[in-house]
Each structure stands twice: as structure tokens, then as C-alpha cells.
Amino acid sequence: FATLAANPHLFRKLAYNAEKDFVPIGLLARFPLFIVVGNQLPVHNLQEFTQWVKAQPGPVSYGSPGLGTPHHLATELLSQRMGVKMSHVPYRGAGPALIDVIGGQIPFMLADSAAAAQHIAAGKLRVIGVASAERLKSHPAVPTLAEQGVKDFEAHAWQGLVAPAGTDDATVQAWSVALQQALRSPAVLARFEALSLEPLPGTPAQMRDYWRSESRRWGQVIESAGIRLD
């Protein structure tokens, strides 16, 4: 996500050109993002959360795994859609941020399913919504943000495989076929489902279309929020 879709908008100068220096092999998976709050926060759904945020005397703080991560950008988009100001607290990874949400040092964050799943299962975090198009099989009781009034709100962390520019087409196609086969294997699918991950088997061309679409989308969010990392 960051390398291909976000960094070209976050940095004025990069040591690489996403379009020219890489060739796509295929997407791996998308990580749904949950809005999670500490159990001490008196909110249980998005409506209550919105009312709580707007009732605070100043910008509400939120955590993320770091500057320019999907979690950071998705929360900026959410704040724009809610019409409120929020204060970003970047951490070095999702783990420390989640610990501080649990402990009440920060009230909430958007967390990816892989990082938050164990804390949710243990009852240490309350989930008030998921930023996916549909409810997740692994968390069927958690409503989407769209269901709760934020229309067409969808945000994911995602990963894919690329090769250096100039890699011959035969090699790219061979790797792509192997990747797609792996993403359809029962063992991989079972592991992905356990982590609430959505496999994204597809061709190199489909990956390029996806990353360009994501780049346009998040570039607009970055520009609107005035986010720069250099």
C-alpha cells in the first residue's frame, strides 16, 4: 500500500518511481480495518462514538502504526467525513498503539484485523464498526460503517508482490500463476479467514489497475488533509 499508493503523494522526493521501477506480479490480501475503542470509553456504536467525539472540548487523539500508514490515512478520511478535527498520534507499529488504546492513553484507532484480532477475542477492545463493504464472516455481529451512516466508506491495508522493472514477461507470468494457485489453496484460505484477511488472487494487470485506483483515491485524502512526510 505505502510503497505504491501512498508514498508518491506523501513525499516530494522518493528514491524510486512506483510506476517506472516496479512491475506487478499480483495482489496478496486486504486487511479490513476496525474502529476499536478501549472498554472505558462510553460508546458502543458509530452514532455514540460520533456524539462523544463532537462533545469533547478539543480534537480527539487517535493512534496508528505510523505516519502515512493505511490506518492513519483512513482515519483522516473518517474525520473528514464526520466533519471533526482529530489529532494523530503515530506509533512504531500497531502493537504499541493497541496497548495504549486498551490502557486508555488514547481513546481509539483504526486497527487492521491481523493486529487486533487477539485483543478483540480476549475482550480487551470494543469494536464499533468495520470499514469493509460487507460484514466479515469472522465478526458477523460487527456492522460496517456504511450500515451506520457513513456511505461508501471502505478502507483496507493491502499487500501485493512486485518485481524490478525489466523483469521478463515469462518470469512475471510464472510467478503470477504460482501466486494465484497459492491464494486458492485450502490451507492459505483457512489461515486468511482466521485472520479476517481477504485473499485477492488476480493478474498483474489487475494489480496495476488496483494500485492506480488506490493511488488516486488516497492521493486526494492526503492532499485534502495536507499530509507531508518530508
Protein backbone atom coordinates (compact mmCIF):
# COMPACT_ATOMS: atom_id res chain seq x y z
CA PHE A 1 0.00 0.00 0.00
CA ALA A 2 2.51 2.60 1.16
CA THR A 3 5.18 1.90 -1.46
CA LEU A 4 2.85 2.03 -4.44
CA ALA A 5 -0.22 4.07 -3.50
CA ALA A 6 0.63 6.44 -0.65
CA ASN A 7 4.32 7.34 -0.64
CA PRO A 8 4.28 9.06 -4.06
CA HIS A 9 1.83 11.56 -2.55
CA LEU A 10 3.36 11.77 0.93
CA PHE A 11 6.92 12.55 -0.16
CA ARG A 12 8.09 15.27 -2.53
CA LYS A 13 11.20 13.23 -3.31
CA LEU A 14 11.48 9.45 -3.37
CA ALA A 15 14.39 7.21 -4.26
CA TYR A 16 12.09 5.30 -6.61
CA ASN A 17 9.24 5.83 -9.06
CA ALA A 18 6.37 3.47 -8.32
CA GLU A 19 5.15 3.40 -11.93
CA LYS A 20 8.55 3.05 -13.59
CA ASP A 21 10.63 0.98 -11.17
CA PHE A 22 8.28 -1.92 -10.45
CA VAL A 23 6.21 -4.41 -12.41
CA PRO A 24 3.23 -6.01 -10.66
CA ILE A 25 3.02 -9.75 -10.08
CA GLY A 26 -0.22 -9.90 -8.16
CA LEU A 27 -2.09 -8.81 -5.07
CA LEU A 28 -1.92 -10.89 -1.90
CA ALA A 29 -4.61 -9.80 0.51
CA ARG A 30 -6.58 -6.94 2.01
CA PHE A 31 -6.70 -6.35 5.75
CA PRO A 32 -10.05 -4.97 6.94
CA LEU A 33 -9.80 -2.02 9.31
CA PHE A 34 -11.85 -1.95 12.52
CA ILE A 35 -12.67 1.08 14.63
CA VAL A 36 -11.63 -0.10 18.08
CA VAL A 37 -12.02 1.71 21.39
CA GLY A 38 -10.95 0.98 24.92
CA ASN A 39 -13.54 -0.62 27.18
CA GLN A 40 -13.50 2.50 29.36
CA LEU A 41 -14.95 4.62 26.54
CA PRO A 42 -18.76 5.00 26.87
CA VAL A 43 -19.57 4.21 23.23
CA HIS A 44 -20.88 1.05 21.58
CA ASN A 45 -21.66 2.08 18.00
CA LEU A 46 -20.70 4.73 15.49
CA GLN A 47 -23.54 7.09 16.42
CA GLU A 48 -22.50 7.13 20.08
CA PHE A 49 -18.86 7.47 19.04
CA THR A 50 -19.63 10.46 16.80
CA GLN A 51 -21.60 12.16 19.56
CA TRP A 52 -18.78 11.54 22.03
CA VAL A 53 -16.14 12.93 19.66
CA LYS A 54 -18.15 16.09 18.98
CA ALA A 55 -18.76 16.63 22.69
CA GLN A 56 -15.04 16.80 23.52
CA PRO A 57 -13.53 20.25 24.14
CA GLY A 58 -10.68 19.74 21.68
CA PRO A 59 -9.52 17.40 18.92
CA VAL A 60 -9.73 13.74 19.92
CA SER A 61 -6.46 11.83 19.68
CA TYR A 62 -6.16 8.62 17.72
CA GLY A 63 -3.34 6.15 17.25
CA SER A 64 -1.87 4.46 14.20
CA PRO A 65 1.07 2.17 13.40
CA GLY A 66 2.88 5.18 11.89
CA LEU A 67 2.77 8.20 9.63
CA GLY A 68 1.29 7.53 6.20
CA THR A 69 0.01 4.05 7.05
CA PRO A 70 -3.41 2.96 5.74
CA HIS A 71 -4.67 3.26 9.32
CA HIS A 72 -3.54 6.91 9.53
CA LEU A 73 -4.98 7.86 6.14
CA ALA A 74 -8.26 6.02 6.70
CA THR A 75 -8.77 7.84 10.00
CA GLU A 76 -8.09 11.16 8.29
CA LEU A 77 -10.75 10.25 5.72
CA LEU A 78 -13.14 9.30 8.52
CA SER A 79 -12.55 12.62 10.29
CA GLN A 80 -13.28 14.46 7.03
CA ARG A 81 -16.49 12.51 6.54
CA MET A 82 -17.53 13.10 10.17
CA GLY A 83 -16.71 16.80 9.93
CA VAL A 84 -14.47 16.83 13.01
CA LYS A 85 -10.81 17.54 13.77
CA MET A 86 -8.69 14.76 15.21
CA SER A 87 -5.11 14.64 16.47
CA HIS A 88 -2.86 11.91 15.10
CA VAL A 89 -0.52 10.05 17.47
CA PRO A 90 1.82 7.88 15.37
CA TYR A 91 3.40 4.81 16.97
CA ARG A 92 6.12 2.45 15.85
CA GLY A 93 3.81 -0.37 14.86
CA ALA A 94 0.26 -1.41 15.63
CA GLY A 95 1.11 -3.32 18.80
CA PRO A 96 2.14 -0.35 20.98
CA ALA A 97 -0.80 1.71 19.71
CA LEU A 98 -3.29 -1.01 20.58
CA ILE A 99 -1.80 -1.39 24.06
CA ASP A 100 -2.38 2.32 24.65
CA VAL A 101 -5.98 2.07 23.41
CA ILE A 102 -6.53 -0.80 25.81
CA GLY A 103 -4.92 1.19 28.63
CA GLY A 104 -6.86 4.36 27.90
CA GLN A 105 -3.88 6.53 26.94
CA ILE A 106 -5.59 7.14 23.59
CA PRO A 107 -9.32 6.60 23.05
CA PHE A 108 -9.41 4.82 19.70
CA MET A 109 -7.74 3.82 16.45
CA LEU A 110 -8.44 2.09 13.19
CA ALA A 111 -6.71 -1.26 13.52
CA ASP A 112 -6.19 -3.99 10.97
CA SER A 113 -7.77 -7.34 11.63
CA ALA A 114 -4.49 -9.24 11.93
CA ALA A 115 -3.12 -6.96 14.65
CA ALA A 116 -6.32 -6.52 16.65
CA ALA A 117 -7.90 -9.98 16.46
CA GLN A 118 -6.34 -11.42 19.62
CA HIS A 119 -7.26 -8.36 21.72
CA ILE A 120 -10.82 -8.37 20.37
CA ALA A 121 -11.19 -12.08 21.12
CA ALA A 122 -9.90 -11.51 24.66
CA GLY A 123 -12.46 -8.76 25.25
CA LYS A 124 -9.79 -6.08 25.74
CA LEU A 125 -11.06 -3.92 22.88
CA ARG A 126 -14.56 -2.96 21.79
CA VAL A 127 -15.21 -2.94 18.06
CA ILE A 128 -17.78 -0.41 16.88
CA GLY A 129 -17.51 -0.85 13.13
CA VAL A 130 -15.57 -2.26 10.22
CA ALA A 131 -14.53 -0.29 7.14
CA SER A 132 -15.38 -3.02 4.64
CA ALA A 133 -18.13 -3.31 2.05
CA GLU A 134 -19.79 -6.20 3.88
CA ARG A 135 -19.74 -7.69 7.35
CA LEU A 136 -16.91 -10.13 7.97
CA LYS A 137 -17.56 -13.84 8.36
CA SER A 138 -15.20 -13.84 11.33
CA HIS A 139 -17.08 -10.97 13.04
CA PRO A 140 -20.68 -11.16 11.79
CA ALA A 141 -22.04 -9.04 14.65
CA VAL A 142 -19.85 -6.05 13.77
CA PRO A 143 -21.70 -3.65 11.44
CA THR A 144 -19.96 -1.86 8.60
CA LEU A 145 -19.50 1.89 8.71
CA ALA A 146 -21.80 2.17 5.70
CA GLU A 147 -24.56 0.42 7.67
CA GLN A 148 -24.08 3.03 10.37
CA GLY A 149 -24.48 6.01 8.10
CA VAL A 150 -21.05 6.66 6.55
CA LYS A 151 -21.93 5.93 2.93
CA ASP A 152 -19.43 4.22 0.65
CA PHE A 153 -16.74 4.21 3.31
CA GLU A 154 -14.31 1.39 2.60
CA ALA A 155 -10.67 1.26 3.64
CA HIS A 156 -8.14 -1.55 3.79
CA ALA A 157 -4.49 -2.17 4.30
CA TRP A 158 -3.28 -4.34 1.42
CA GLN A 159 -0.22 -6.13 0.15
CA GLY A 160 1.00 -7.33 -3.21
CA LEU A 161 4.09 -8.66 -4.92
CA VAL A 162 6.17 -6.69 -7.41
CA ALA A 163 9.37 -7.33 -9.32
CA PRO A 164 12.05 -4.90 -10.53
CA ALA A 165 11.28 -3.13 -13.78
CA GLY A 166 12.78 -5.03 -16.70
CA THR A 167 11.91 -8.48 -15.34
CA ASP A 168 10.98 -10.53 -18.39
CA ASP A 169 7.30 -11.26 -19.04
CA ALA A 170 7.70 -15.04 -18.83
CA THR A 171 9.12 -14.81 -15.31
CA VAL A 172 6.41 -12.40 -14.18
CA GLN A 173 3.68 -14.65 -15.56
CA ALA A 174 5.18 -17.76 -13.93
CA TRP A 175 5.32 -16.05 -10.54
CA SER A 176 1.80 -14.73 -11.01
CA VAL A 177 0.39 -18.18 -11.74
CA ALA A 178 2.18 -19.66 -8.69
CA LEU A 179 0.87 -16.84 -6.50
CA GLN A 180 -2.71 -17.27 -7.66
CA GLN A 181 -2.52 -21.01 -7.05
CA ALA A 182 -1.24 -20.41 -3.52
CA LEU A 183 -4.03 -17.92 -2.78
CA ARG A 184 -6.61 -20.54 -3.73
CA SER A 185 -5.16 -23.36 -1.63
CA PRO A 186 -7.33 -24.57 1.29
CA ALA A 187 -4.52 -24.11 3.82
CA VAL A 188 -3.89 -20.49 2.84
CA LEU A 189 -7.61 -19.70 2.70
CA ALA A 190 -8.15 -21.17 6.16
CA ARG A 191 -5.30 -19.12 7.60
CA PHE A 192 -6.55 -15.95 5.93
CA GLU A 193 -10.06 -16.50 7.26
CA ALA A 194 -8.72 -16.95 10.79
CA LEU A 195 -7.02 -13.53 10.48
CA SER A 196 -10.03 -11.92 8.74
CA LEU A 197 -7.95 -11.36 5.61
CA GLU A 198 -9.45 -11.20 2.14
CA PRO A 199 -7.35 -13.01 -0.49
CA LEU A 200 -7.01 -11.12 -3.77
CA PRO A 201 -5.92 -13.51 -6.49
CA GLY A 202 -5.59 -11.79 -9.83
CA THR A 203 -3.40 -10.96 -12.79
CA PRO A 204 -0.53 -8.45 -12.92
CA ALA A 205 -2.76 -6.12 -14.96
CA GLN A 206 -5.48 -6.28 -12.30
CA MET A 207 -2.94 -5.41 -9.62
CA ARG A 208 -1.73 -2.39 -11.59
CA ASP A 209 -5.31 -1.16 -12.05
CA TYR A 210 -5.97 -1.61 -8.33
CA TRP A 211 -2.86 0.23 -7.18
CA ARG A 212 -3.53 3.10 -9.57
CA SER A 213 -7.10 3.38 -8.30
CA GLU A 214 -5.89 3.35 -4.69
CA SER A 215 -3.23 5.93 -5.52
CA ARG A 216 -5.80 8.33 -6.94
CA ARG A 217 -8.16 7.79 -4.03
CA TRP A 218 -5.68 8.22 -1.20
CA GLY A 219 -3.81 10.97 -3.01
CA GLN A 220 -6.95 13.07 -2.72
CA VAL A 221 -7.21 12.34 1.01
CA ILE A 222 -3.54 13.21 1.55
CA GLU A 223 -3.89 16.47 -0.35
CA SER A 224 -7.10 17.44 1.49
CA ALA A 225 -5.51 16.74 4.87
CA GLY A 226 -2.23 18.47 3.95
CA ILE A 227 -0.13 15.48 4.99
CA ARG A 228 3.56 15.58 4.06
CA LEU A 229 6.33 13.39 5.43
CA ASP A 230 9.32 15.36 4.14
